Amino acid sequence: MKKNYSVIIGSGHYLPPNIVKNSDFLSRKFYQPDGTLFEISNEEIIQKFLEITEIEERRYMDDDMNTSDMAYLAAKKAIETSGIDPETLDYIIVAHNFGDVKKDSYRTDLMPTLAARVKQKLGLKNSNTVCYDIPFGCPGWIQGMIQADYYLRSGDAKRAMIIGADGLSRMVDPHDRDCMIFADGAGATIIEAVESEEPLGIIKHKTISDTLVEADYLVNGPSFNKDFDQNIITIKMNGRRIYEYAVSKVPVLMKEMLDKAGRTAEDIKMILIHQANAKMDYAMGKKFFKLYGIRNMPENIMPMTISKFGNSSVATIPTMYDMIINNKMDEYKLQSGDEIIFVSVGAGLNANAILYKMP
């Protein structure tokens, strides 16, 4: 019996051309949460940061750009690669965290939605192309894919475009060493309902939300520099608690999803994981395989882009997927029939995963 399955038919991404290296932070004054300056040198701070996160550089938007502009450019590429008439899209879903934020303003602009702005920039006239946003932390793009999958499986919709876009550089505390983690970018995918007797595309998914966790209070806080306007709210992150949560929860979530699908870790060709901290990603990956009695995580199963692109939040996974599909990561190849996992964790605390079979 044939069923509707959600299959990616096009993808695109946009990475700003401005490269910000770790050395660009050498002259920055970094403060501790109590408002005092670090006693160690910036060289030591940056070296320790590199050892933990593996981030060497990140991308920032041009001053005259905004998150919706990046989302539009990624969307345009996804439409081109899919070959569809964009007027046939039933949904445009944009995942982000702060909306549009003008340079040095720290003011979020959320209405109209970024999805509506993307539709306007694309010049789409179809009133039936519904636009809305998802504020779901770093797992937002995956959650958008999950929501769209429900629409397509129901038969109520045929095509949807899901975009992950964030301009995190506009919301960081410049005096918090964690500001070096965050980056800007956008990634987009177009999924289409395909009838098939054999499962393909999105096979299974799972999402969890744990709101009664101390690390939930990841975002929103004044600068650690007391001379900086304390009314300005910036990104804050309890790195240790997030690490503990992610390593304890995410591998189990992945296994529970595979259990529902009747799969094991040995069936998986690749894991596309959200990247905020390389050490944390490796720990999650290793624990996932240990749940199946596999002592060592297979080589080249978890692509890493964090060293060059930093943490672009919701943009990370769709950007990485698009790069792999378009042969821009030489050591990683995907073929028809390969089964992969998209997985993310972030503010909320939320975590989610998708099991996807390449058509």
Protein backbone atom coordinates (compact mmCIF):
# COMPACT_ATOMS: atom_id res chain seq x y z
CA MET A 1 0.00 0.00 0.00
CA LYS A 2 1.36 3.39 -0.97
CA LYS A 3 1.74 6.13 1.64
CA ASN A 4 2.80 9.76 1.54
CA TYR A 5 6.39 10.39 2.54
CA SER A 6 8.19 13.74 2.86
CA VAL A 7 11.23 13.88 0.59
CA ILE A 8 13.78 16.69 0.24
CA ILE A 9 13.75 17.81 -3.40
CA GLY A 10 15.90 20.94 -3.09
CA SER A 11 18.26 22.68 -0.70
CA GLY A 12 20.32 25.83 -0.43
CA HIS A 13 22.35 27.82 2.06
CA TYR A 14 23.88 31.23 2.57
CA LEU A 15 27.04 31.94 4.54
CA PRO A 16 28.08 35.59 4.90
CA PRO A 17 31.45 36.40 3.31
CA ASN A 18 32.79 38.14 6.44
CA ILE A 19 35.18 35.78 8.21
CA VAL A 20 35.89 36.59 11.86
CA LYS A 21 38.91 34.71 13.20
CA ASN A 22 39.73 33.94 16.82
CA SER A 23 42.63 36.37 16.58
CA ASP A 24 40.09 39.17 16.05
CA PHE A 25 39.13 38.79 19.73
CA LEU A 26 42.63 39.29 21.13
CA SER A 27 42.01 42.93 22.01
CA ARG A 28 38.54 42.30 23.49
CA LYS A 29 37.93 42.80 27.22
CA PHE A 30 36.29 39.65 28.60
CA TYR A 31 34.47 39.77 31.93
CA GLN A 32 33.36 37.01 34.27
CA PRO A 33 29.69 36.73 35.36
CA ASP A 34 30.49 38.65 38.58
CA GLY A 35 31.63 41.63 36.51
CA THR A 36 35.37 41.26 37.07
CA LEU A 37 37.91 40.93 34.29
CA PHE A 38 39.54 37.55 33.67
CA GLU A 39 42.98 37.41 35.21
CA ILE A 40 44.34 35.17 32.46
CA SER A 41 45.31 36.60 29.07
CA ASN A 42 43.08 36.59 26.01
CA GLU A 43 45.59 34.28 24.36
CA GLU A 44 44.89 31.71 27.08
CA ILE A 45 41.12 32.27 26.92
CA ILE A 46 41.07 31.80 23.17
CA GLN A 47 43.32 28.74 23.25
CA LYS A 48 41.11 27.02 25.83
CA PHE A 49 38.03 28.00 23.81
CA LEU A 50 39.55 26.45 20.69
CA GLU A 51 40.45 23.22 22.47
CA ILE A 52 36.87 22.74 23.71
CA THR A 53 34.81 23.99 20.77
CA GLU A 54 37.25 23.54 17.82
CA ILE A 55 35.99 26.89 16.48
CA GLU A 56 38.71 28.72 14.56
CA GLU A 57 36.52 31.24 12.76
CA ARG A 58 32.90 32.18 12.14
CA ARG A 59 30.81 34.22 9.69
CA TYR A 60 29.09 37.54 10.40
CA MET A 61 26.57 39.37 8.24
CA ASP A 62 27.34 42.60 6.42
CA ASP A 63 26.14 45.62 8.38
CA ASP A 64 23.33 46.32 5.90
CA MET A 65 22.03 42.72 5.88
CA ASN A 66 19.59 41.00 8.19
CA THR A 67 18.41 37.51 9.06
CA SER A 68 15.47 37.62 6.65
CA ASP A 69 17.88 38.55 3.84
CA MET A 70 19.98 35.46 4.53
CA ALA A 71 16.82 33.34 4.72
CA TYR A 72 15.72 34.69 1.34
CA LEU A 73 19.07 33.94 -0.30
CA ALA A 74 19.06 30.37 1.03
CA ALA A 75 15.43 29.96 -0.07
CA LYS A 76 16.23 31.21 -3.56
CA LYS A 77 18.97 28.60 -3.94
CA ALA A 78 16.69 25.83 -2.66
CA ILE A 79 14.05 26.78 -5.22
CA GLU A 80 16.63 26.77 -8.00
CA THR A 81 17.93 23.30 -7.09
CA SER A 82 14.42 21.87 -6.75
CA GLY A 83 13.31 23.18 -10.13
CA ILE A 84 9.78 23.85 -8.84
CA ASP A 85 7.52 26.81 -9.39
CA PRO A 86 7.67 28.52 -5.97
CA GLU A 87 4.02 29.51 -6.34
CA THR A 88 3.21 25.83 -5.71
CA LEU A 89 4.57 25.94 -2.15
CA ASP A 90 1.90 25.28 0.45
CA TYR A 91 4.03 26.43 3.39
CA ILE A 92 7.06 28.57 4.11
CA ILE A 93 8.31 27.90 7.64
CA VAL A 94 11.23 29.87 9.06
CA ALA A 95 13.01 28.83 12.25
CA HIS A 96 15.04 31.51 14.03
CA ASN A 97 15.67 32.88 17.51
CA PHE A 98 15.64 36.66 17.39
CA GLY A 99 14.08 37.68 14.09
CA ASP A 100 15.66 40.62 12.31
CA VAL A 101 18.06 42.68 14.41
CA LYS A 102 19.74 45.78 13.01
CA LYS A 103 23.44 46.20 13.61
CA ASP A 104 24.20 47.43 17.16
CA SER A 105 20.50 47.83 18.00
CA TYR A 106 19.90 44.66 20.08
CA ARG A 107 16.22 45.13 19.22
CA THR A 108 14.38 42.12 17.88
CA ASP A 109 11.97 42.62 15.00
CA LEU A 110 9.52 39.73 14.78
CA MET A 111 6.45 41.13 13.04
CA PRO A 112 5.65 40.52 10.29
CA THR A 113 7.14 37.04 10.44
CA LEU A 114 10.42 36.30 8.73
CA ALA A 115 8.54 33.73 6.65
CA ALA A 116 6.25 36.49 5.37
CA ARG A 117 9.29 38.63 4.57
CA VAL A 118 10.87 35.76 2.64
CA LYS A 119 7.67 35.25 0.66
CA GLN A 120 7.58 38.98 -0.10
CA LYS A 121 11.22 39.03 -1.21
CA LEU A 122 10.52 36.04 -3.47
CA GLY A 123 7.61 37.95 -5.00
CA LEU A 124 5.12 35.11 -4.44
CA LYS A 125 1.46 35.95 -5.13
CA ASN A 126 -0.25 32.72 -4.08
CA SER A 127 -2.48 33.46 -1.08
CA ASN A 128 -2.50 29.76 -0.23
CA THR A 129 1.25 29.75 0.49
CA VAL A 130 1.03 29.98 4.28
CA CYS A 131 3.92 31.61 6.14
CA TYR A 132 4.86 31.32 9.79
CA ASP A 133 7.89 31.23 12.09
CA ILE A 134 9.14 28.79 14.72
CA PRO A 135 11.07 30.08 17.76
CA PHE A 136 12.33 26.76 19.12
CA GLY A 137 15.99 27.34 19.90
CA CYS A 138 18.67 25.56 17.89
CA PRO A 139 16.37 22.58 17.10
CA GLY A 140 14.01 24.93 15.22
CA TRP A 141 14.78 23.80 11.66
CA ILE A 142 14.28 20.14 12.58
CA GLN A 143 11.00 21.01 14.29
CA GLY A 144 9.90 22.87 11.17
CA MET A 145 10.66 19.75 9.13
CA ILE A 146 8.63 17.66 11.57
CA GLN A 147 5.63 19.99 11.39
CA ALA A 148 5.76 20.09 7.61
CA ASP A 149 5.98 16.31 7.53
CA TYR A 150 2.62 16.12 9.30
CA TYR A 151 1.05 18.40 6.68
CA LEU A 152 2.41 16.37 3.79
CA ARG A 153 1.59 12.97 5.24
CA SER A 154 -2.00 14.06 5.87
CA GLY A 155 -2.45 14.84 2.19
CA ASP A 156 -3.47 18.41 3.01
CA ALA A 157 -0.26 19.83 1.52
CA LYS A 158 2.10 18.85 -1.28
CA ARG A 159 5.17 21.04 -0.80
CA ALA A 160 6.79 23.05 1.97
CA MET A 161 9.97 25.06 2.36
CA ILE A 162 11.67 25.02 5.75
CA ILE A 163 14.37 27.58 6.48
CA GLY A 164 16.72 27.92 9.42
CA ALA A 165 18.25 31.39 9.68
CA ASP A 166 19.96 33.25 12.51
CA GLY A 167 22.00 36.39 12.95
CA LEU A 168 23.35 35.59 16.40
CA SER A 169 26.25 38.02 16.09
CA ARG A 170 23.71 40.84 16.58
CA MET A 171 22.64 39.58 20.03
CA VAL A 172 25.89 38.56 21.74
CA ASP A 173 27.48 40.19 24.76
CA PRO A 174 30.82 41.37 23.32
CA HIS A 175 32.40 41.05 26.77
CA ASP A 176 31.33 37.43 27.36
CA ARG A 177 33.86 34.90 26.06
CA ASP A 178 30.93 32.77 24.85
CA CYS A 179 30.31 35.41 22.19
CA MET A 180 33.00 33.66 20.15
CA ILE A 181 30.71 30.64 19.73
CA PHE A 182 27.94 32.35 17.80
CA ALA A 183 27.70 33.00 14.07
CA ASP A 184 25.32 33.94 11.26
CA GLY A 185 23.93 31.92 8.37
CA ALA A 186 20.89 30.37 6.72
CA GLY A 187 19.96 26.99 5.28
CA ALA A 188 16.80 25.92 3.45
CA THR A 189 15.16 22.73 2.28
CA ILE A 190 12.08 22.04 0.18
CA ILE A 191 10.17 18.86 0.91
CA GLU A 192 7.54 17.25 -1.28
CA ALA A 193 4.97 14.53 -0.62
CA VAL A 194 5.89 11.39 -2.56
CA GLU A 195 3.71 8.27 -2.71
CA SER A 196 5.69 5.10 -2.10
CA GLU A 197 5.15 1.54 -0.92
CA GLU A 198 8.62 1.55 0.61
CA PRO A 199 9.47 4.07 3.33
CA LEU A 200 11.67 6.95 2.17
CA GLY A 201 12.39 10.54 3.12
CA ILE A 202 11.32 11.30 6.69
CA ILE A 203 10.81 7.89 8.32
CA LYS A 204 10.50 8.73 12.02
CA HIS A 205 11.09 11.62 14.36
CA LYS A 206 11.05 12.47 18.05
CA THR A 207 11.04 15.68 20.07
CA ILE A 208 11.41 16.37 23.79
CA SER A 209 11.09 19.54 25.89
CA ASP A 210 12.45 19.77 29.42
CA THR A 211 11.49 23.13 30.89
CA LEU A 212 12.24 22.34 34.55
CA VAL A 213 15.99 22.35 34.04
CA GLU A 214 18.36 25.00 35.35
CA ALA A 215 20.06 25.23 31.97
CA ASP A 216 16.71 26.28 30.49
CA TYR A 217 17.68 29.83 31.27
CA LEU A 218 20.12 29.96 28.42
CA VAL A 219 19.08 33.13 26.72
CA ASN A 220 18.54 36.70 27.92
CA GLY A 221 20.81 38.55 30.29
CA PRO A 222 22.70 41.81 30.55
CA SER A 223 26.36 42.18 29.65
CA PHE A 224 28.95 40.93 32.12
CA ASN A 225 30.57 44.35 31.69
CA LYS A 226 28.70 46.55 34.17
CA ASP A 227 29.63 49.66 32.15
CA PHE A 228 27.71 48.22 29.17
CA ASP A 229 24.03 49.25 29.06
CA GLN A 230 22.44 46.80 31.52
CA ASN A 231 19.02 47.23 29.90
CA ILE A 232 20.29 45.48 26.78
CA ILE A 233 19.48 41.77 26.74
CA THR A 234 22.11 39.46 25.21
CA ILE A 235 22.58 35.72 24.66
CA LYS A 236 23.70 33.89 27.79
CA MET A 237 24.53 30.21 28.10
CA ASN A 238 25.24 27.87 30.98
CA GLY A 239 27.68 25.74 29.03
CA ARG A 240 28.34 23.09 31.66
CA ARG A 241 24.65 22.39 32.33
CA ILE A 242 23.86 22.28 28.60
CA TYR A 243 26.68 19.79 28.12
CA GLU A 244 25.36 17.58 30.90
CA TYR A 245 21.80 17.73 29.57
CA ALA A 246 22.78 17.08 25.96
CA VAL A 247 25.01 14.11 26.72
CA SER A 248 22.45 12.50 29.03
CA LYS A 249 19.33 13.11 26.92
CA VAL A 250 20.16 13.31 23.21
CA PRO A 251 21.70 9.83 22.69
CA VAL A 252 18.68 8.27 24.40
CA LEU A 253 16.30 10.31 22.26
CA MET A 254 18.07 9.10 19.12
CA LYS A 255 17.86 5.48 20.23
CA GLU A 256 14.17 5.76 21.11
CA MET A 257 13.49 7.15 17.64
CA LEU A 258 15.41 4.32 15.97
CA ASP A 259 13.60 1.80 18.16
CA LYS A 260 10.28 3.08 16.80
CA ALA A 261 11.63 2.68 13.27
CA GLY A 262 13.02 -0.80 13.87
CA ARG A 263 16.57 0.41 13.20
CA THR A 264 19.85 0.32 15.10
CA ALA A 265 22.98 2.46 15.04
CA GLU A 266 24.53 0.07 12.52
CA ASP A 267 21.88 1.08 9.96
CA ILE A 268 22.94 4.74 10.03
CA LYS A 269 25.23 6.13 7.33
CA MET A 270 25.63 9.63 8.74
CA ILE A 271 24.64 11.82 11.70
CA LEU A 272 24.12 15.50 10.99
CA ILE A 273 24.23 17.03 14.44
CA HIS A 274 23.80 20.61 15.58
CA GLN A 275 27.16 22.13 16.41
CA ALA A 276 27.78 24.48 19.29
CA ASN A 277 30.68 22.66 20.91
CA ALA A 278 32.73 19.94 19.25
CA LYS A 279 33.59 18.28 22.56
CA MET A 280 29.89 17.99 23.37
CA ASP A 281 29.05 16.59 19.92
CA TYR A 282 31.72 13.90 20.17
CA ALA A 283 30.46 12.96 23.64
CA MET A 284 26.88 12.65 22.39
CA GLY A 285 27.97 10.58 19.40
CA LYS A 286 30.10 8.21 21.45
CA LYS A 287 27.37 7.66 24.02
CA PHE A 288 24.82 6.97 21.27
CA PHE A 289 26.92 4.14 19.88
CA LYS A 290 27.69 2.80 23.37
CA LEU A 291 23.94 2.36 23.87
CA TYR A 292 24.23 -0.30 21.16
CA GLY A 293 27.35 -1.87 22.62
CA ILE A 294 29.58 -0.21 20.01
CA ARG A 295 32.67 0.96 21.82
CA ASN A 296 34.14 3.25 19.17
CA MET A 297 32.15 5.73 17.08
CA PRO A 298 32.69 4.95 13.37
CA GLU A 299 34.95 7.34 11.48
CA ASN A 300 33.41 9.89 9.09
CA ILE A 301 29.91 9.29 10.39
CA MET A 302 29.49 12.75 11.97
CA PRO A 303 30.48 15.64 9.67
CA MET A 304 31.82 18.70 11.47
CA THR A 305 31.67 22.26 10.17
CA ILE A 306 32.00 24.13 13.45
CA SER A 307 35.69 24.94 13.03
CA LYS A 308 34.99 27.27 10.09
CA PHE A 309 31.37 28.33 10.58
CA GLY A 310 30.87 28.43 14.36
CA ASN A 311 27.40 27.96 15.81
CA SER A 312 24.81 29.35 13.40
CA SER A 313 22.02 27.69 15.40
CA VAL A 314 19.05 26.66 13.23
CA ALA A 315 21.12 27.16 10.07
CA THR A 316 23.79 24.62 10.95
CA ILE A 317 22.16 21.34 9.88
CA PRO A 318 20.44 22.47 6.65
CA THR A 319 23.66 24.23 5.62
CA MET A 320 25.67 21.08 6.25
CA TYR A 321 23.14 18.92 4.39
CA ASP A 322 23.24 21.23 1.37
CA MET A 323 27.03 21.22 1.32
CA ILE A 324 27.17 17.41 1.39
CA ILE A 325 24.52 17.02 -1.31
CA ASN A 326 26.43 19.42 -3.53
CA ASN A 327 29.79 17.70 -2.96
CA LYS A 328 31.30 20.55 -0.97
CA MET A 329 32.51 18.24 1.80
CA ASP A 330 34.71 15.80 -0.11
CA GLU A 331 34.95 13.08 2.52
CA TYR A 332 31.17 12.81 2.92
CA LYS A 333 28.90 11.32 0.26
CA LEU A 334 25.24 10.29 0.37
CA GLN A 335 23.55 7.83 -1.97
CA SER A 336 20.04 6.57 -2.55
CA GLY A 337 18.99 4.27 0.28
CA ASP A 338 21.37 5.75 2.86
CA GLU A 339 19.72 6.43 6.20
CA ILE A 340 20.84 9.48 8.14
CA ILE A 341 19.91 11.25 11.36
CA PHE A 342 19.29 14.97 11.81
CA VAL A 343 19.61 15.80 15.53
CA SER A 344 19.74 18.96 17.61
CA VAL A 345 19.53 20.31 21.15
CA GLY A 346 19.15 23.85 22.42
CA ALA A 347 17.25 26.53 24.31
CA GLY A 348 14.03 25.41 25.88
CA LEU A 349 15.49 22.98 26.71
CA ASN A 350 14.43 21.25 23.51
CA ALA A 351 15.94 18.35 21.61
CA ASN A 352 14.74 16.52 18.52
CA ALA A 353 15.80 14.12 15.81
CA ILE A 354 14.69 12.86 12.38
CA LEU A 355 15.49 9.56 10.71
CA TYR A 356 15.75 10.30 6.98
CA LYS A 357 16.18 7.84 4.10
CA MET A 358 17.76 9.21 0.94
CA PRO A 359 15.44 8.71 -2.07
